[in-house]
Amino acid sequence: MAVAELTQVESVPRKRGLGTFFTLTFALTWGLAAIFIAAQDAIERVFGPIGLTNPLYLLAVYAPAFSGLVMVWHHHGRQGLRGFFRRFRIVRMPAWGWLFLVAGIPAIVYAGAFASGTAGDTPAFSPWYTALPILAQFMFLAGTVEEIGWRGVALPLLQRRFSPLVSGLLLGIAWAVWHLPAFGMSGTIQSAWSFGPYFVGLLAVSVIFTWLFNASNGSLLVAWLLHFQVMNPLFPDARPWDTLFYVIAAVIIVIVNRRTMLRRGDAVTGLLHPTAGR
């Protein structure tokens, strides 16, 4: 399956489509975050602590996915949604892409962990199967769901107007800024982090995501798995060195793949599976 097969330009308008997606996403997440910040104690008494068991928190986290699905449904209907979700069935990607996803991300994280002296802090689960519920949460309930919107909708629309590198950087900026409220809410992972390194790290990760997204012909499965790898709960805390290594990896990727990363022609721009409607 060639990349060109997913570069069809569909009916979602270029400018209005992007504007609608980002407006819906930020309005939903930041609106709920403002309520959390203003009345966190009262909300937690009703819905529980901030986390994956709090429905309002999940609604805020899933905002990119909801916004993307609303757009696909609005412009393509139920048939379009089926074509959109069929992108989870795209598994063909060069072997080096799968190698980077499976081994490259852990190598980056552990390099950062060795540099920061935390390589031995990998969570120990005894017995081993007690790790399965945590892995399932991170795979199916946490940030992976965001990819339905970020790489599922926003990135293809950005690549209709910009090169993959510029699209990845722009999406990385939006992605990082979207997380800003989490830095002001107690109980979130980000509340203990500094936004500056986080921002730089997400820019680098977004470029890496863009590279693999196009290499996989717009596979939502690859984007989903890559997001899981980046936040894999079995990995040690490698901050702040992992940020440096992600930046180095992103720079190398752009240099090596400059022919495709710096021009628009080969980028994935379609929202639906190439066989949708056939």
C-alpha atoms as a PDB file:
ATOM      1  CA  MET A   1       0.000   0.000   0.000  1.00  0.00           C
ATOM      2  CA  ALA A   2       1.655   3.225  -1.095  1.00  0.00           C
ATOM      3  CA  VAL A   3       1.434   6.423   0.886  1.00  0.00           C
ATOM      4  CA  ALA A   4      -0.276   8.054  -2.055  1.00  0.00           C
ATOM      5  CA  GLU A   5      -3.299   5.839  -1.473  1.00  0.00           C
ATOM      6  CA  LEU A   6      -4.117   7.799   1.676  1.00  0.00           C
ATOM      7  CA  THR A   7      -3.465  11.260   0.238  1.00  0.00           C
ATOM      8  CA  GLN A   8      -6.897  11.754  -1.237  1.00  0.00           C
ATOM      9  CA  VAL A   9      -8.359  15.131  -0.265  1.00  0.00           C
ATOM     10  CA  GLU A  10     -11.817  14.660   1.134  1.00  0.00           C
ATOM     11  CA  SER A  11     -14.593  17.121   1.817  1.00  0.00           C
ATOM     12  CA  VAL A  12     -13.334  18.460   5.184  1.00  0.00           C
ATOM     13  CA  PRO A  13     -12.370  22.081   4.430  1.00  0.00           C
ATOM     14  CA  ARG A  14      -8.722  22.848   5.063  1.00  0.00           C
ATOM     15  CA  LYS A  15      -8.987  25.952   7.207  1.00  0.00           C
ATOM     16  CA  ARG A  16     -12.382  25.512   8.789  1.00  0.00           C
ATOM     17  CA  GLY A  17     -11.695  21.864   9.504  1.00  0.00           C
ATOM     18  CA  LEU A  18      -8.568  22.593  11.502  1.00  0.00           C
ATOM     19  CA  GLY A  19     -10.161  25.532  13.262  1.00  0.00           C
ATOM     20  CA  THR A  20     -13.220  23.488  14.201  1.00  0.00           C
ATOM     21  CA  PHE A  21     -11.132  20.614  15.529  1.00  0.00           C
ATOM     22  CA  PHE A  22      -8.908  22.774  17.710  1.00  0.00           C
ATOM     23  CA  THR A  23     -11.796  24.933  18.922  1.00  0.00           C
ATOM     24  CA  LEU A  24     -13.848  21.931  20.030  1.00  0.00           C
ATOM     25  CA  THR A  25     -10.865  20.199  21.589  1.00  0.00           C
ATOM     26  CA  PHE A  26      -9.607  23.155  23.609  1.00  0.00           C
ATOM     27  CA  ALA A  27     -13.078  24.344  24.604  1.00  0.00           C
ATOM     28  CA  LEU A  28     -14.029  20.952  26.026  1.00  0.00           C
ATOM     29  CA  THR A  29     -10.763  20.209  27.815  1.00  0.00           C
ATOM     30  CA  TRP A  30      -9.987  23.692  29.081  1.00  0.00           C
ATOM     31  CA  GLY A  31     -13.612  24.293  30.070  1.00  0.00           C
ATOM     32  CA  LEU A  32     -13.662  21.167  32.206  1.00  0.00           C
ATOM     33  CA  ALA A  33     -10.195  21.976  33.556  1.00  0.00           C
ATOM     34  CA  ALA A  34     -11.389  25.413  34.654  1.00  0.00           C
ATOM     35  CA  ILE A  35     -14.227  23.759  36.573  1.00  0.00           C
ATOM     36  CA  PHE A  36     -11.787  21.305  38.144  1.00  0.00           C
ATOM     37  CA  ILE A  37      -9.420  24.062  39.235  1.00  0.00           C
ATOM     38  CA  ALA A  38     -12.235  26.197  40.623  1.00  0.00           C
ATOM     39  CA  ALA A  39     -14.035  23.424  42.500  1.00  0.00           C
ATOM     40  CA  GLN A  40     -11.782  20.380  42.579  1.00  0.00           C
ATOM     41  CA  ASP A  41     -12.754  19.271  46.083  1.00  0.00           C
ATOM     42  CA  ALA A  42     -16.476  19.386  45.334  1.00  0.00           C
ATOM     43  CA  ILE A  43     -16.064  17.522  42.031  1.00  0.00           C
ATOM     44  CA  GLU A  44     -13.915  14.837  43.607  1.00  0.00           C
ATOM     45  CA  ARG A  45     -16.513  14.262  46.316  1.00  0.00           C
ATOM     46  CA  VAL A  46     -19.057  13.436  43.627  1.00  0.00           C
ATOM     47  CA  PHE A  47     -16.980  11.779  40.891  1.00  0.00           C
ATOM     48  CA  GLY A  48     -13.885  10.607  42.737  1.00  0.00           C
ATOM     49  CA  PRO A  49     -10.265  11.742  42.546  1.00  0.00           C
ATOM     50  CA  ILE A  50      -8.741  13.028  39.343  1.00  0.00           C
ATOM     51  CA  GLY A  51      -7.707  10.034  37.307  1.00  0.00           C
ATOM     52  CA  LEU A  52      -8.939   7.359  34.946  1.00  0.00           C
ATOM     53  CA  THR A  53     -11.900   6.508  37.185  1.00  0.00           C
ATOM     54  CA  ASN A  54     -13.286  10.061  37.123  1.00  0.00           C
ATOM     55  CA  PRO A  55     -15.726  10.450  34.181  1.00  0.00           C
ATOM     56  CA  LEU A  56     -15.253  14.223  33.903  1.00  0.00           C
ATOM     57  CA  TYR A  57     -11.493  13.764  33.790  1.00  0.00           C
ATOM     58  CA  LEU A  58     -11.862  11.144  31.066  1.00  0.00           C
ATOM     59  CA  LEU A  59     -14.123  13.490  29.111  1.00  0.00           C
ATOM     60  CA  ALA A  60     -11.415  16.159  29.230  1.00  0.00           C
ATOM     61  CA  VAL A  61      -8.699  13.678  28.228  1.00  0.00           C
ATOM     62  CA  TYR A  62     -10.764  12.268  25.367  1.00  0.00           C
ATOM     63  CA  ALA A  63     -11.671  15.693  23.932  1.00  0.00           C
ATOM     64  CA  PRO A  64      -9.357  15.350  20.886  1.00  0.00           C
ATOM     65  CA  ALA A  65     -10.954  11.997  20.055  1.00  0.00           C
ATOM     66  CA  PHE A  66     -14.510  13.306  20.473  1.00  0.00           C
ATOM     67  CA  SER A  67     -13.766  16.377  18.356  1.00  0.00           C
ATOM     68  CA  GLY A  68     -12.200  14.318  15.606  1.00  0.00           C
ATOM     69  CA  LEU A  69     -15.046  11.830  15.491  1.00  0.00           C
ATOM     70  CA  VAL A  70     -17.634  14.613  15.414  1.00  0.00           C
ATOM     71  CA  MET A  71     -15.869  16.130  12.414  1.00  0.00           C
ATOM     72  CA  VAL A  72     -15.617  12.839  10.541  1.00  0.00           C
ATOM     73  CA  TRP A  73     -19.271  12.053  11.246  1.00  0.00           C
ATOM     74  CA  HIS A  74     -20.387  15.566  10.220  1.00  0.00           C
ATOM     75  CA  HIS A  75     -18.567  15.498   6.894  1.00  0.00           C
ATOM     76  CA  HIS A  76     -18.748  11.777   6.025  1.00  0.00           C
ATOM     77  CA  GLY A  77     -21.604  10.299   8.053  1.00  0.00           C
ATOM     78  CA  ARG A  78     -21.714   6.873   9.620  1.00  0.00           C
ATOM     79  CA  GLN A  79     -20.137   5.299   6.553  1.00  0.00           C
ATOM     80  CA  GLY A  80     -17.262   7.715   6.945  1.00  0.00           C
ATOM     81  CA  LEU A  81     -16.788   6.717  10.570  1.00  0.00           C
ATOM     82  CA  ARG A  82     -16.470   3.107   9.494  1.00  0.00           C
ATOM     83  CA  GLY A  83     -13.878   4.119   6.929  1.00  0.00           C
ATOM     84  CA  PHE A  84     -12.061   6.155   9.556  1.00  0.00           C
ATOM     85  CA  PHE A  85     -11.864   3.311  12.074  1.00  0.00           C
ATOM     86  CA  ARG A  86     -10.640   0.942   9.376  1.00  0.00           C
ATOM     87  CA  ARG A  87      -7.357   2.825   9.609  1.00  0.00           C
ATOM     88  CA  PHE A  88      -6.739   0.761  12.742  1.00  0.00           C
ATOM     89  CA  ARG A  89      -6.395  -2.202  10.397  1.00  0.00           C
ATOM     90  CA  ILE A  90      -3.433  -0.688   8.545  1.00  0.00           C
ATOM     91  CA  VAL A  91      -0.435  -2.661   9.787  1.00  0.00           C
ATOM     92  CA  ARG A  92       1.949  -2.485   6.837  1.00  0.00           C
ATOM     93  CA  MET A  93       5.003  -0.432   7.721  1.00  0.00           C
ATOM     94  CA  PRO A  94       8.690  -0.898   6.890  1.00  0.00           C
ATOM     95  CA  ALA A  95      10.514  -3.199   9.297  1.00  0.00           C
ATOM     96  CA  TRP A  96      12.677  -0.316  10.527  1.00  0.00           C
ATOM     97  CA  GLY A  97       9.491   1.493  11.571  1.00  0.00           C
ATOM     98  CA  TRP A  98       8.337  -1.415  13.722  1.00  0.00           C
ATOM     99  CA  LEU A  99      11.866  -1.795  15.097  1.00  0.00           C
ATOM    100  CA  PHE A 100      11.900   1.834  16.181  1.00  0.00           C
ATOM    101  CA  LEU A 101       8.450   1.526  17.771  1.00  0.00           C
ATOM    102  CA  VAL A 102       9.267  -1.684  19.645  1.00  0.00           C
ATOM    103  CA  ALA A 103      12.931  -1.109  20.518  1.00  0.00           C
ATOM    104  CA  GLY A 104      13.815   2.489  19.656  1.00  0.00           C
ATOM    105  CA  ILE A 105      11.505   4.168  22.163  1.00  0.00           C
ATOM    106  CA  PRO A 106      12.633   1.942  25.055  1.00  0.00           C
ATOM    107  CA  ALA A 107      16.255   2.604  24.051  1.00  0.00           C
ATOM    108  CA  ILE A 108      15.654   6.352  24.256  1.00  0.00           C
ATOM    109  CA  VAL A 109      13.922   6.079  27.624  1.00  0.00           C
ATOM    110  CA  TYR A 110      16.550   3.813  29.162  1.00  0.00           C
ATOM    111  CA  ALA A 111      19.365   5.980  27.825  1.00  0.00           C
ATOM    112  CA  GLY A 112      17.737   8.877  29.650  1.00  0.00           C
ATOM    113  CA  ALA A 113      17.228   6.729  32.753  1.00  0.00           C
ATOM    114  CA  PHE A 114      20.882   5.703  32.828  1.00  0.00           C
ATOM    115  CA  ALA A 115      21.905   9.356  32.467  1.00  0.00           C
ATOM    116  CA  SER A 116      19.618  10.361  35.339  1.00  0.00           C
ATOM    117  CA  GLY A 117      20.482   7.361  37.514  1.00  0.00           C
ATOM    118  CA  THR A 118      16.970   5.884  37.569  1.00  0.00           C
ATOM    119  CA  ALA A 119      17.473   2.884  35.278  1.00  0.00           C
ATOM    120  CA  GLY A 120      16.974   0.524  38.190  1.00  0.00           C
ATOM    121  CA  ASP A 121      13.668   2.082  39.186  1.00  0.00           C
ATOM    122  CA  THR A 122      11.529   0.071  36.773  1.00  0.00           C
ATOM    123  CA  PRO A 123       8.394  -0.946  38.697  1.00  0.00           C
ATOM    124  CA  ALA A 124       8.593  -4.455  40.097  1.00  0.00           C
ATOM    125  CA  PHE A 125       5.348  -6.413  39.978  1.00  0.00           C
ATOM    126  CA  SER A 126       4.962  -9.535  42.025  1.00  0.00           C
ATOM    127  CA  PRO A 127       3.371 -11.676  40.921  1.00  0.00           C
ATOM    128  CA  TRP A 128       3.938 -10.516  37.344  1.00  0.00           C
ATOM    129  CA  TYR A 129       0.271 -10.540  36.324  1.00  0.00           C
ATOM    130  CA  THR A 130      -0.525  -7.673  38.706  1.00  0.00           C
ATOM    131  CA  ALA A 131       0.988  -5.423  36.020  1.00  0.00           C
ATOM    132  CA  LEU A 132      -1.700  -6.374  33.511  1.00  0.00           C
ATOM    133  CA  PRO A 133      -4.486  -4.070  34.804  1.00  0.00           C
ATOM    134  CA  ILE A 134      -2.101  -1.092  34.793  1.00  0.00           C
ATOM    135  CA  LEU A 135      -0.923  -1.890  31.272  1.00  0.00           C
ATOM    136  CA  ALA A 136      -4.534  -2.242  30.128  1.00  0.00           C
ATOM    137  CA  GLN A 137      -5.410   1.164  31.598  1.00  0.00           C
ATOM    138  CA  PHE A 138      -2.541   2.845  29.808  1.00  0.00           C
ATOM    139  CA  MET A 139      -3.258   1.007  26.565  1.00  0.00           C
ATOM    140  CA  PHE A 140      -7.018   1.563  26.364  1.00  0.00           C
ATOM    141  CA  LEU A 141      -8.059   4.329  28.797  1.00  0.00           C
ATOM    142  CA  ALA A 142      -5.257   6.863  29.025  1.00  0.00           C
ATOM    143  CA  GLY A 143      -3.630   9.184  26.481  1.00  0.00           C
ATOM    144  CA  THR A 144      -3.639   6.648  23.658  1.00  0.00           C
ATOM    145  CA  VAL A 145      -7.274   7.583  22.951  1.00  0.00           C
ATOM    146  CA  GLU A 146      -6.109  11.112  22.079  1.00  0.00           C
ATOM    147  CA  GLU A 147      -4.579   9.725  18.875  1.00  0.00           C
ATOM    148  CA  ILE A 148      -8.016   9.397  17.290  1.00  0.00           C
ATOM    149  CA  GLY A 149      -7.977  13.189  17.131  1.00  0.00           C
ATOM    150  CA  TRP A 150      -4.330  14.266  17.031  1.00  0.00           C
ATOM    151  CA  ARG A 151      -2.979  11.915  14.392  1.00  0.00           C
ATOM    152  CA  GLY A 152      -6.353  10.662  13.157  1.00  0.00           C
ATOM    153  CA  VAL A 153      -7.705  14.057  12.098  1.00  0.00           C
ATOM    154  CA  ALA A 154      -5.469  17.022  12.922  1.00  0.00           C
ATOM    155  CA  LEU A 155      -2.229  15.759  11.365  1.00  0.00           C
ATOM    156  CA  PRO A 156      -3.717  14.798   7.965  1.00  0.00           C
ATOM    157  CA  LEU A 157      -5.463  18.176   7.771  1.00  0.00           C
ATOM    158  CA  LEU A 158      -2.244  20.007   8.669  1.00  0.00           C
ATOM    159  CA  GLN A 159      -0.334  18.037   6.033  1.00  0.00           C
ATOM    160  CA  ARG A 160      -2.721  19.306   3.372  1.00  0.00           C
ATOM    161  CA  ARG A 161      -1.181  22.732   3.949  1.00  0.00           C
ATOM    162  CA  PHE A 162       2.309  22.162   5.349  1.00  0.00           C
ATOM    163  CA  SER A 163       5.246  19.780   5.104  1.00  0.00           C
ATOM    164  CA  PRO A 164       5.358  16.871   7.553  1.00  0.00           C
ATOM    165  CA  LEU A 165       8.050  18.593   9.629  1.00  0.00           C
ATOM    166  CA  VAL A 166       6.098  21.836   9.957  1.00  0.00           C
ATOM    167  CA  SER A 167       2.867  19.919  10.541  1.00  0.00           C
ATOM    168  CA  GLY A 168       4.482  17.846  13.272  1.00  0.00           C
ATOM    169  CA  LEU A 169       5.886  20.924  14.991  1.00  0.00           C
ATOM    170  CA  LEU A 170       2.584  22.825  14.801  1.00  0.00           C
ATOM    171  CA  LEU A 171       0.674  19.863  16.154  1.00  0.00           C
ATOM    172  CA  GLY A 172       3.294  19.421  18.860  1.00  0.00           C
ATOM    173  CA  ILE A 173       2.782  23.023  19.984  1.00  0.00           C
ATOM    174  CA  ALA A 174      -0.984  22.554  20.134  1.00  0.00           C
ATOM    175  CA  TRP A 175      -0.583  19.190  21.868  1.00  0.00           C
ATOM    176  CA  ALA A 176       1.693  20.629  24.552  1.00  0.00           C
ATOM    177  CA  VAL A 177      -0.375  23.774  25.154  1.00  0.00           C
ATOM    178  CA  TRP A 178      -3.534  21.647  25.381  1.00  0.00           C
ATOM    179  CA  HIS A 179      -1.929  19.920  28.392  1.00  0.00           C
ATOM    180  CA  LEU A 180      -1.268  23.202  30.203  1.00  0.00           C
ATOM    181  CA  PRO A 181      -4.238  22.965  32.637  1.00  0.00           C
ATOM    182  CA  ALA A 182      -2.912  19.631  33.920  1.00  0.00           C
ATOM    183  CA  PHE A 183       0.119  21.470  35.317  1.00  0.00           C
ATOM    184  CA  GLY A 184      -2.175  23.490  37.570  1.00  0.00           C
ATOM    185  CA  MET A 185      -4.298  20.641  38.936  1.00  0.00           C
ATOM    186  CA  SER A 186      -3.230  18.543  41.884  1.00  0.00           C
ATOM    187  CA  GLY A 187      -3.401  14.822  41.324  1.00  0.00           C
ATOM    188  CA  THR A 188      -2.196  14.828  37.721  1.00  0.00           C
ATOM    189  CA  ILE A 189       1.177  13.497  36.615  1.00  0.00           C
ATOM    190  CA  GLN A 190       2.046  16.846  35.052  1.00  0.00           C
ATOM    191  CA  SER A 191       1.525  18.731  38.321  1.00  0.00           C
ATOM    192  CA  ALA A 192       4.975  17.557  39.438  1.00  0.00           C
ATOM    193  CA  TRP A 193       6.709  18.450  36.166  1.00  0.00           C
ATOM    194  CA  SER A 194       8.160  21.611  34.610  1.00  0.00           C
ATOM    195  CA  PHE A 195       6.354  22.778  31.493  1.00  0.00           C
ATOM    196  CA  GLY A 196       9.472  23.940  29.589  1.00  0.00           C
ATOM    197  CA  PRO A 197      11.160  20.542  29.184  1.00  0.00           C
ATOM    198  CA  TYR A 198       7.758  18.933  28.680  1.00  0.00           C
ATOM    199  CA  PHE A 199       7.015  21.357  25.824  1.00  0.00           C
ATOM    200  CA  VAL A 200      10.336  20.668  24.096  1.00  0.00           C
ATOM    201  CA  GLY A 201       9.902  16.929  24.571  1.00  0.00           C
ATOM    202  CA  LEU A 202       6.424  16.901  23.027  1.00  0.00           C
ATOM    203  CA  LEU A 203       7.682  18.869  20.010  1.00  0.00           C
ATOM    204  CA  ALA A 204      10.333  16.210  19.419  1.00  0.00           C
ATOM    205  CA  VAL A 205       7.904  13.337  20.033  1.00  0.00           C
ATOM    206  CA  SER A 206       5.366  14.914  17.668  1.00  0.00           C
ATOM    207  CA  VAL A 207       7.961  14.999  14.876  1.00  0.00           C
ATOM    208  CA  ILE A 208       8.731  11.321  15.524  1.00  0.00           C
ATOM    209  CA  PHE A 209       5.005  10.512  15.503  1.00  0.00           C
ATOM    210  CA  THR A 210       4.634  12.320  12.166  1.00  0.00           C
ATOM    211  CA  TRP A 211       7.486  10.357  10.623  1.00  0.00           C
ATOM    212  CA  LEU A 212       6.051   6.975  11.650  1.00  0.00           C
ATOM    213  CA  PHE A 213       2.480   8.018  10.858  1.00  0.00           C
ATOM    214  CA  ASN A 214       3.426   8.703   7.247  1.00  0.00           C
ATOM    215  CA  ALA A 215       5.693   5.653   7.051  1.00  0.00           C
ATOM    216  CA  SER A 216       2.734   3.502   8.117  1.00  0.00           C
ATOM    217  CA  ASN A 217       0.385   5.067   5.543  1.00  0.00           C
ATOM    218  CA  GLY A 218      -1.700   6.804   8.206  1.00  0.00           C
ATOM    219  CA  SER A 219      -2.160   3.833  10.522  1.00  0.00           C
ATOM    220  CA  LEU A 220      -4.106   4.702  13.657  1.00  0.00           C
ATOM    221  CA  LEU A 221      -2.870   1.476  15.203  1.00  0.00           C
ATOM    222  CA  VAL A 222       0.758   2.595  14.876  1.00  0.00           C
ATOM    223  CA  ALA A 223      -0.046   6.015  16.379  1.00  0.00           C
ATOM    224  CA  TRP A 224      -1.913   4.311  19.239  1.00  0.00           C
ATOM    225  CA  LEU A 225       0.951   1.904  19.987  1.00  0.00           C
ATOM    226  CA  LEU A 226       3.552   4.656  19.741  1.00  0.00           C
ATOM    227  CA  HIS A 227       1.662   6.796  22.254  1.00  0.00           C
ATOM    228  CA  PHE A 228       1.517   3.820  24.606  1.00  0.00           C
ATOM    229  CA  GLN A 229       5.257   3.257  24.278  1.00  0.00           C
ATOM    230  CA  VAL A 230       6.027   6.888  25.078  1.00  0.00           C
ATOM    231  CA  MET A 231       4.100   6.681  28.374  1.00  0.00           C
ATOM    232  CA  ASN A 232       4.641   2.965  29.113  1.00  0.00           C
ATOM    233  CA  PRO A 233       4.204   2.551  32.902  1.00  0.00           C
ATOM    234  CA  LEU A 234       6.806  -0.226  32.989  1.00  0.00           C
ATOM    235  CA  PHE A 235       9.568   2.177  31.961  1.00  0.00           C
ATOM    236  CA  PRO A 236      11.584   4.104  34.577  1.00  0.00           C
ATOM    237  CA  ASP A 237      11.317   7.863  35.000  1.00  0.00           C
ATOM    238  CA  ALA A 238      13.990   9.223  32.664  1.00  0.00           C
ATOM    239  CA  ARG A 239      13.385  12.955  33.086  1.00  0.00           C
ATOM    240  CA  PRO A 240      14.996  15.256  32.090  1.00  0.00           C
ATOM    241  CA  TRP A 241      17.462  13.336  29.945  1.00  0.00           C
ATOM    242  CA  ASP A 242      14.857  11.532  27.863  1.00  0.00           C
ATOM    243  CA  THR A 243      13.823  14.924  26.480  1.00  0.00           C
ATOM    244  CA  LEU A 244      17.352  15.476  25.179  1.00  0.00           C
ATOM    245  CA  PHE A 245      17.452  12.042  23.562  1.00  0.00           C
ATOM    246  CA  TYR A 246      14.025  12.517  21.969  1.00  0.00           C
ATOM    247  CA  VAL A 247      15.250  15.787  20.473  1.00  0.00           C
ATOM    248  CA  ILE A 248      18.407  14.102  19.152  1.00  0.00           C
ATOM    249  CA  ALA A 249      16.320  11.274  17.664  1.00  0.00           C
ATOM    250  CA  ALA A 250      13.930  13.739  16.019  1.00  0.00           C
ATOM    251  CA  VAL A 251      16.803  15.727  14.483  1.00  0.00           C
ATOM    252  CA  ILE A 252      18.426  12.563  13.113  1.00  0.00           C
ATOM    253  CA  ILE A 253      15.086  11.394  11.709  1.00  0.00           C
ATOM    254  CA  VAL A 254      14.523  14.691   9.914  1.00  0.00           C
ATOM    255  CA  ILE A 255      18.055  14.725   8.464  1.00  0.00           C
ATOM    256  CA  VAL A 256      17.914  11.130   7.271  1.00  0.00           C
ATOM    257  CA  ASN A 257      14.361  11.500   5.893  1.00  0.00           C
ATOM    258  CA  ARG A 258      14.645  15.121   4.740  1.00  0.00           C
ATOM    259  CA  ARG A 259      13.287  14.309   1.281  1.00  0.00           C
ATOM    260  CA  THR A 260       9.917  13.256   2.713  1.00  0.00           C
ATOM    261  CA  MET A 261       9.867  15.318   5.908  1.00  0.00           C
ATOM    262  CA  LEU A 262      10.447  18.657   4.171  1.00  0.00           C
ATOM    263  CA  ARG A 263       7.934  18.416   1.337  1.00  0.00           C
ATOM    264  CA  ARG A 264       4.195  17.883   1.136  1.00  0.00           C
ATOM    265  CA  GLY A 265       3.862  15.488  -1.766  1.00  0.00           C
ATOM    266  CA  ASP A 266       4.275  12.167   0.025  1.00  0.00           C
ATOM    267  CA  ALA A 267       2.433  12.963   3.259  1.00  0.00           C
ATOM    268  CA  VAL A 268      -0.811  11.312   4.334  1.00  0.00           C
ATOM    269  CA  THR A 269      -3.716  13.757   4.031  1.00  0.00           C
ATOM    270  CA  GLY A 270      -6.783  11.494   3.979  1.00  0.00           C
ATOM    271  CA  LEU A 271      -9.021  10.843   6.963  1.00  0.00           C
ATOM    272  CA  LEU A 272     -10.538   7.593   5.742  1.00  0.00           C
ATOM    273  CA  HIS A 273      -9.081   4.228   4.855  1.00  0.00           C
ATOM    274  CA  PRO A 274      -8.178   4.258   1.124  1.00  0.00           C
ATOM    275  CA  THR A 275     -10.684   1.483   0.383  1.00  0.00           C
ATOM    276  CA  ALA A 276     -13.556   3.223   2.201  1.00  0.00           C
ATOM    277  CA  GLY A 277     -16.676   3.285   0.094  1.00  0.00           C
ATOM    278  CA  ARG A 278     -15.524   0.553  -2.260  1.00  0.00           C
END
